[in-house]
Amino acid sequence: MGREFTQEHIMKICLPPELYLAVINYQAQKELGKSYAGLLLVTKAAYQEKLISREVYEKYLYRYSRKLVPEDEPQRLTSEQQREKQKLDEKARTFSILPSQWDIHPDQKWRQRWIEEAEKWQDIIPEAKQFLKKVKLN
């Protein structure tokens, strides 16, 4: 048997002029489509009234916050920028793995070399900063 589809979830509402203008202003301010502006306001109100969970709120907040005209697409990286990004990604992975290797390598020279390396990169790579915090706690 086929599943019956209803339209019970569809709601048509007539807004008084003040609320209609508020929705239009919100739509323009957030650069959203008409439906998304209304759904975003309903989502925010439902969360504020504790009718939906934070997870549901964040899901629909993300969905209905998409602008009508998307931002400019990110520029393509040059081959040099790609190599630099790859280098940073590899270093980030290394600094993520190092804490699990720390107890296996009691050699102070090895440890000092990685601490110095992390100190060089801590302002660029968040994983290096996290690594230093973990190491300095021990």
C-alpha atoms as a PDB file:
ATOM      1  CA  MET A   1       0.000   0.000   0.000  1.00  0.00           C
ATOM      2  CA  GLY A   2       1.151   3.505  -0.791  1.00  0.00           C
ATOM      3  CA  ARG A   3       1.782   5.979   1.954  1.00  0.00           C
ATOM      4  CA  GLU A   4      -0.742   8.753   2.196  1.00  0.00           C
ATOM      5  CA  PHE A   5       0.702  12.211   1.950  1.00  0.00           C
ATOM      6  CA  THR A   6      -1.075  15.027   3.698  1.00  0.00           C
ATOM      7  CA  GLN A   7      -0.483  18.724   3.677  1.00  0.00           C
ATOM      8  CA  GLU A   8      -1.200  19.154   7.370  1.00  0.00           C
ATOM      9  CA  HIS A   9       2.294  20.549   7.881  1.00  0.00           C
ATOM     10  CA  ILE A  10       1.637  23.433   5.468  1.00  0.00           C
ATOM     11  CA  MET A  11       0.435  26.582   7.204  1.00  0.00           C
ATOM     12  CA  LYS A  12      -0.857  29.692   5.488  1.00  0.00           C
ATOM     13  CA  ILE A  13      -1.046  32.681   7.787  1.00  0.00           C
ATOM     14  CA  CYS A  14      -2.357  36.177   7.307  1.00  0.00           C
ATOM     15  CA  LEU A  15      -0.091  38.679   9.008  1.00  0.00           C
ATOM     16  CA  PRO A  16      -1.239  42.075  10.169  1.00  0.00           C
ATOM     17  CA  PRO A  17       0.586  44.874   8.311  1.00  0.00           C
ATOM     18  CA  GLU A  18       3.023  45.553  11.166  1.00  0.00           C
ATOM     19  CA  LEU A  19       4.198  41.935  11.298  1.00  0.00           C
ATOM     20  CA  TYR A  20       4.274  41.647   7.521  1.00  0.00           C
ATOM     21  CA  LEU A  21       6.535  44.707   7.289  1.00  0.00           C
ATOM     22  CA  ALA A  22       8.724  43.290  10.080  1.00  0.00           C
ATOM     23  CA  VAL A  23       9.164  40.038   8.113  1.00  0.00           C
ATOM     24  CA  ILE A  24       9.940  41.984   4.922  1.00  0.00           C
ATOM     25  CA  ASN A  25      12.523  44.097   6.772  1.00  0.00           C
ATOM     26  CA  TYR A  26      14.060  40.966   8.304  1.00  0.00           C
ATOM     27  CA  GLN A  27      14.148  39.329   4.869  1.00  0.00           C
ATOM     28  CA  ALA A  28      15.976  42.313   3.359  1.00  0.00           C
ATOM     29  CA  GLN A  29      18.314  42.702   6.336  1.00  0.00           C
ATOM     30  CA  LYS A  30      19.370  39.035   6.225  1.00  0.00           C
ATOM     31  CA  GLU A  31      19.197  38.829   2.394  1.00  0.00           C
ATOM     32  CA  LEU A  32      16.893  35.800   2.536  1.00  0.00           C
ATOM     33  CA  GLY A  33      14.002  34.549   0.475  1.00  0.00           C
ATOM     34  CA  LYS A  34      10.509  35.232   1.813  1.00  0.00           C
ATOM     35  CA  SER A  35       9.922  31.643   3.016  1.00  0.00           C
ATOM     36  CA  TYR A  36      13.335  31.368   4.658  1.00  0.00           C
ATOM     37  CA  ALA A  37      12.833  34.671   6.508  1.00  0.00           C
ATOM     38  CA  GLY A  38       9.517  33.469   7.917  1.00  0.00           C
ATOM     39  CA  LEU A  39      10.844  29.999   8.751  1.00  0.00           C
ATOM     40  CA  LEU A  40      13.924  31.436  10.433  1.00  0.00           C
ATOM     41  CA  LEU A  41      11.782  33.676  12.619  1.00  0.00           C
ATOM     42  CA  VAL A  42       9.520  30.736  13.541  1.00  0.00           C
ATOM     43  CA  THR A  43      12.594  28.611  14.312  1.00  0.00           C
ATOM     44  CA  LYS A  44      14.042  31.287  16.592  1.00  0.00           C
ATOM     45  CA  ALA A  45      10.715  31.777  18.367  1.00  0.00           C
ATOM     46  CA  ALA A  46      10.210  28.013  18.849  1.00  0.00           C
ATOM     47  CA  TYR A  47      13.669  27.706  20.397  1.00  0.00           C
ATOM     48  CA  GLN A  48      13.166  30.769  22.590  1.00  0.00           C
ATOM     49  CA  GLU A  49       9.918  29.253  23.863  1.00  0.00           C
ATOM     50  CA  LYS A  50      11.774  25.966  24.531  1.00  0.00           C
ATOM     51  CA  LEU A  51       9.601  24.049  22.056  1.00  0.00           C
ATOM     52  CA  ILE A  52      12.549  22.567  20.150  1.00  0.00           C
ATOM     53  CA  SER A  53      15.956  21.242  21.197  1.00  0.00           C
ATOM     54  CA  ARG A  54      19.226  23.068  20.583  1.00  0.00           C
ATOM     55  CA  GLU A  55      20.164  20.460  17.948  1.00  0.00           C
ATOM     56  CA  VAL A  56      16.939  21.035  16.007  1.00  0.00           C
ATOM     57  CA  TYR A  57      17.372  24.806  16.385  1.00  0.00           C
ATOM     58  CA  GLU A  58      20.936  24.744  15.031  1.00  0.00           C
ATOM     59  CA  LYS A  59      19.948  22.479  12.136  1.00  0.00           C
ATOM     60  CA  TYR A  60      17.203  24.823  10.945  1.00  0.00           C
ATOM     61  CA  LEU A  61      19.123  27.976  11.818  1.00  0.00           C
ATOM     62  CA  TYR A  62      21.849  26.792   9.444  1.00  0.00           C
ATOM     63  CA  ARG A  63      19.339  25.764   6.765  1.00  0.00           C
ATOM     64  CA  TYR A  64      17.247  28.937   6.781  1.00  0.00           C
ATOM     65  CA  SER A  65      20.162  31.370   7.132  1.00  0.00           C
ATOM     66  CA  ARG A  66      21.410  30.702   3.608  1.00  0.00           C
ATOM     67  CA  LYS A  67      21.372  33.935   1.669  1.00  0.00           C
ATOM     68  CA  LEU A  68      19.295  34.373  -1.459  1.00  0.00           C
ATOM     69  CA  VAL A  69      22.399  35.393  -3.410  1.00  0.00           C
ATOM     70  CA  PRO A  70      25.361  33.360  -2.158  1.00  0.00           C
ATOM     71  CA  GLU A  71      28.616  35.074  -1.285  1.00  0.00           C
ATOM     72  CA  ASP A  72      31.294  35.117  -3.957  1.00  0.00           C
ATOM     73  CA  GLU A  73      32.795  31.700  -4.524  1.00  0.00           C
ATOM     74  CA  PRO A  74      36.179  31.224  -2.911  1.00  0.00           C
ATOM     75  CA  GLN A  75      39.085  31.806  -5.234  1.00  0.00           C
ATOM     76  CA  ARG A  76      40.897  28.803  -6.594  1.00  0.00           C
ATOM     77  CA  LEU A  77      44.284  28.314  -5.022  1.00  0.00           C
ATOM     78  CA  THR A  78      47.399  28.569  -7.124  1.00  0.00           C
ATOM     79  CA  SER A  79      49.644  25.499  -7.167  1.00  0.00           C
ATOM     80  CA  GLU A  80      52.004  27.278  -4.756  1.00  0.00           C
ATOM     81  CA  GLN A  81      49.112  28.055  -2.380  1.00  0.00           C
ATOM     82  CA  GLN A  82      47.961  24.433  -2.634  1.00  0.00           C
ATOM     83  CA  ARG A  83      51.449  23.210  -1.690  1.00  0.00           C
ATOM     84  CA  GLU A  84      51.534  25.618   1.265  1.00  0.00           C
ATOM     85  CA  LYS A  85      48.076  24.488   2.396  1.00  0.00           C
ATOM     86  CA  GLN A  86      49.120  20.851   2.101  1.00  0.00           C
ATOM     87  CA  LYS A  87      52.250  21.567   4.172  1.00  0.00           C
ATOM     88  CA  LEU A  88      50.157  23.245   6.889  1.00  0.00           C
ATOM     89  CA  ASP A  89      47.624  20.378   6.865  1.00  0.00           C
ATOM     90  CA  GLU A  90      50.431  17.832   7.287  1.00  0.00           C
ATOM     91  CA  LYS A  91      51.949  19.800  10.167  1.00  0.00           C
ATOM     92  CA  ALA A  92      48.514  20.063  11.791  1.00  0.00           C
ATOM     93  CA  ARG A  93      48.098  16.268  11.555  1.00  0.00           C
ATOM     94  CA  THR A  94      51.571  15.768  13.032  1.00  0.00           C
ATOM     95  CA  PHE A  95      50.830  18.039  15.997  1.00  0.00           C
ATOM     96  CA  SER A  96      47.539  16.172  16.518  1.00  0.00           C
ATOM     97  CA  ILE A  97      49.341  12.805  16.664  1.00  0.00           C
ATOM     98  CA  LEU A  98      52.363  13.878  18.756  1.00  0.00           C
ATOM     99  CA  PRO A  99      50.637  13.772  22.174  1.00  0.00           C
ATOM    100  CA  SER A 100      49.944  10.046  21.707  1.00  0.00           C
ATOM    101  CA  GLN A 101      53.656   9.515  20.935  1.00  0.00           C
ATOM    102  CA  TRP A 102      54.935  11.592  23.820  1.00  0.00           C
ATOM    103  CA  ASP A 103      55.129   8.833  26.435  1.00  0.00           C
ATOM    104  CA  ILE A 104      56.764   6.442  23.967  1.00  0.00           C
ATOM    105  CA  HIS A 105      59.667   8.861  23.373  1.00  0.00           C
ATOM    106  CA  PRO A 106      61.359   9.794  26.653  1.00  0.00           C
ATOM    107  CA  ASP A 107      64.368  11.194  24.726  1.00  0.00           C
ATOM    108  CA  GLN A 108      64.649  14.848  25.811  1.00  0.00           C
ATOM    109  CA  LYS A 109      66.288  15.956  22.531  1.00  0.00           C
ATOM    110  CA  TRP A 110      63.374  14.525  20.536  1.00  0.00           C
ATOM    111  CA  ARG A 111      60.867  16.191  22.844  1.00  0.00           C
ATOM    112  CA  GLN A 112      62.681  19.537  22.807  1.00  0.00           C
ATOM    113  CA  ARG A 113      62.834  19.517  18.988  1.00  0.00           C
ATOM    114  CA  TRP A 114      59.036  19.080  18.749  1.00  0.00           C
ATOM    115  CA  ILE A 115      58.372  21.713  21.401  1.00  0.00           C
ATOM    116  CA  GLU A 116      60.527  24.195  19.477  1.00  0.00           C
ATOM    117  CA  GLU A 117      58.782  23.261  16.213  1.00  0.00           C
ATOM    118  CA  ALA A 118      55.358  23.738  17.816  1.00  0.00           C
ATOM    119  CA  GLU A 119      56.404  27.112  19.222  1.00  0.00           C
ATOM    120  CA  LYS A 120      57.315  28.251  15.689  1.00  0.00           C
ATOM    121  CA  TRP A 121      53.876  27.263  14.344  1.00  0.00           C
ATOM    122  CA  GLN A 122      51.584  27.968  17.314  1.00  0.00           C
ATOM    123  CA  ASP A 123      50.290  31.264  15.890  1.00  0.00           C
ATOM    124  CA  ILE A 124      49.455  29.677  12.531  1.00  0.00           C
ATOM    125  CA  ILE A 125      48.388  26.130  13.354  1.00  0.00           C
ATOM    126  CA  PRO A 126      45.876  25.683  16.214  1.00  0.00           C
ATOM    127  CA  GLU A 127      46.969  22.051  16.662  1.00  0.00           C
ATOM    128  CA  ALA A 128      50.509  23.248  17.498  1.00  0.00           C
ATOM    129  CA  LYS A 129      49.133  25.490  20.237  1.00  0.00           C
ATOM    130  CA  GLN A 130      46.994  22.623  21.613  1.00  0.00           C
ATOM    131  CA  PHE A 131      50.018  20.331  21.526  1.00  0.00           C
ATOM    132  CA  LEU A 132      52.056  22.813  23.574  1.00  0.00           C
ATOM    133  CA  LYS A 133      49.276  23.108  26.170  1.00  0.00           C
ATOM    134  CA  LYS A 134      49.076  19.312  26.559  1.00  0.00           C
ATOM    135  CA  VAL A 135      52.841  18.882  26.768  1.00  0.00           C
ATOM    136  CA  LYS A 136      53.366  21.677  29.261  1.00  0.00           C
ATOM    137  CA  LEU A 137      50.685  20.220  31.553  1.00  0.00           C
ATOM    138  CA  ASN A 138      52.738  17.027  31.957  1.00  0.00           C
END
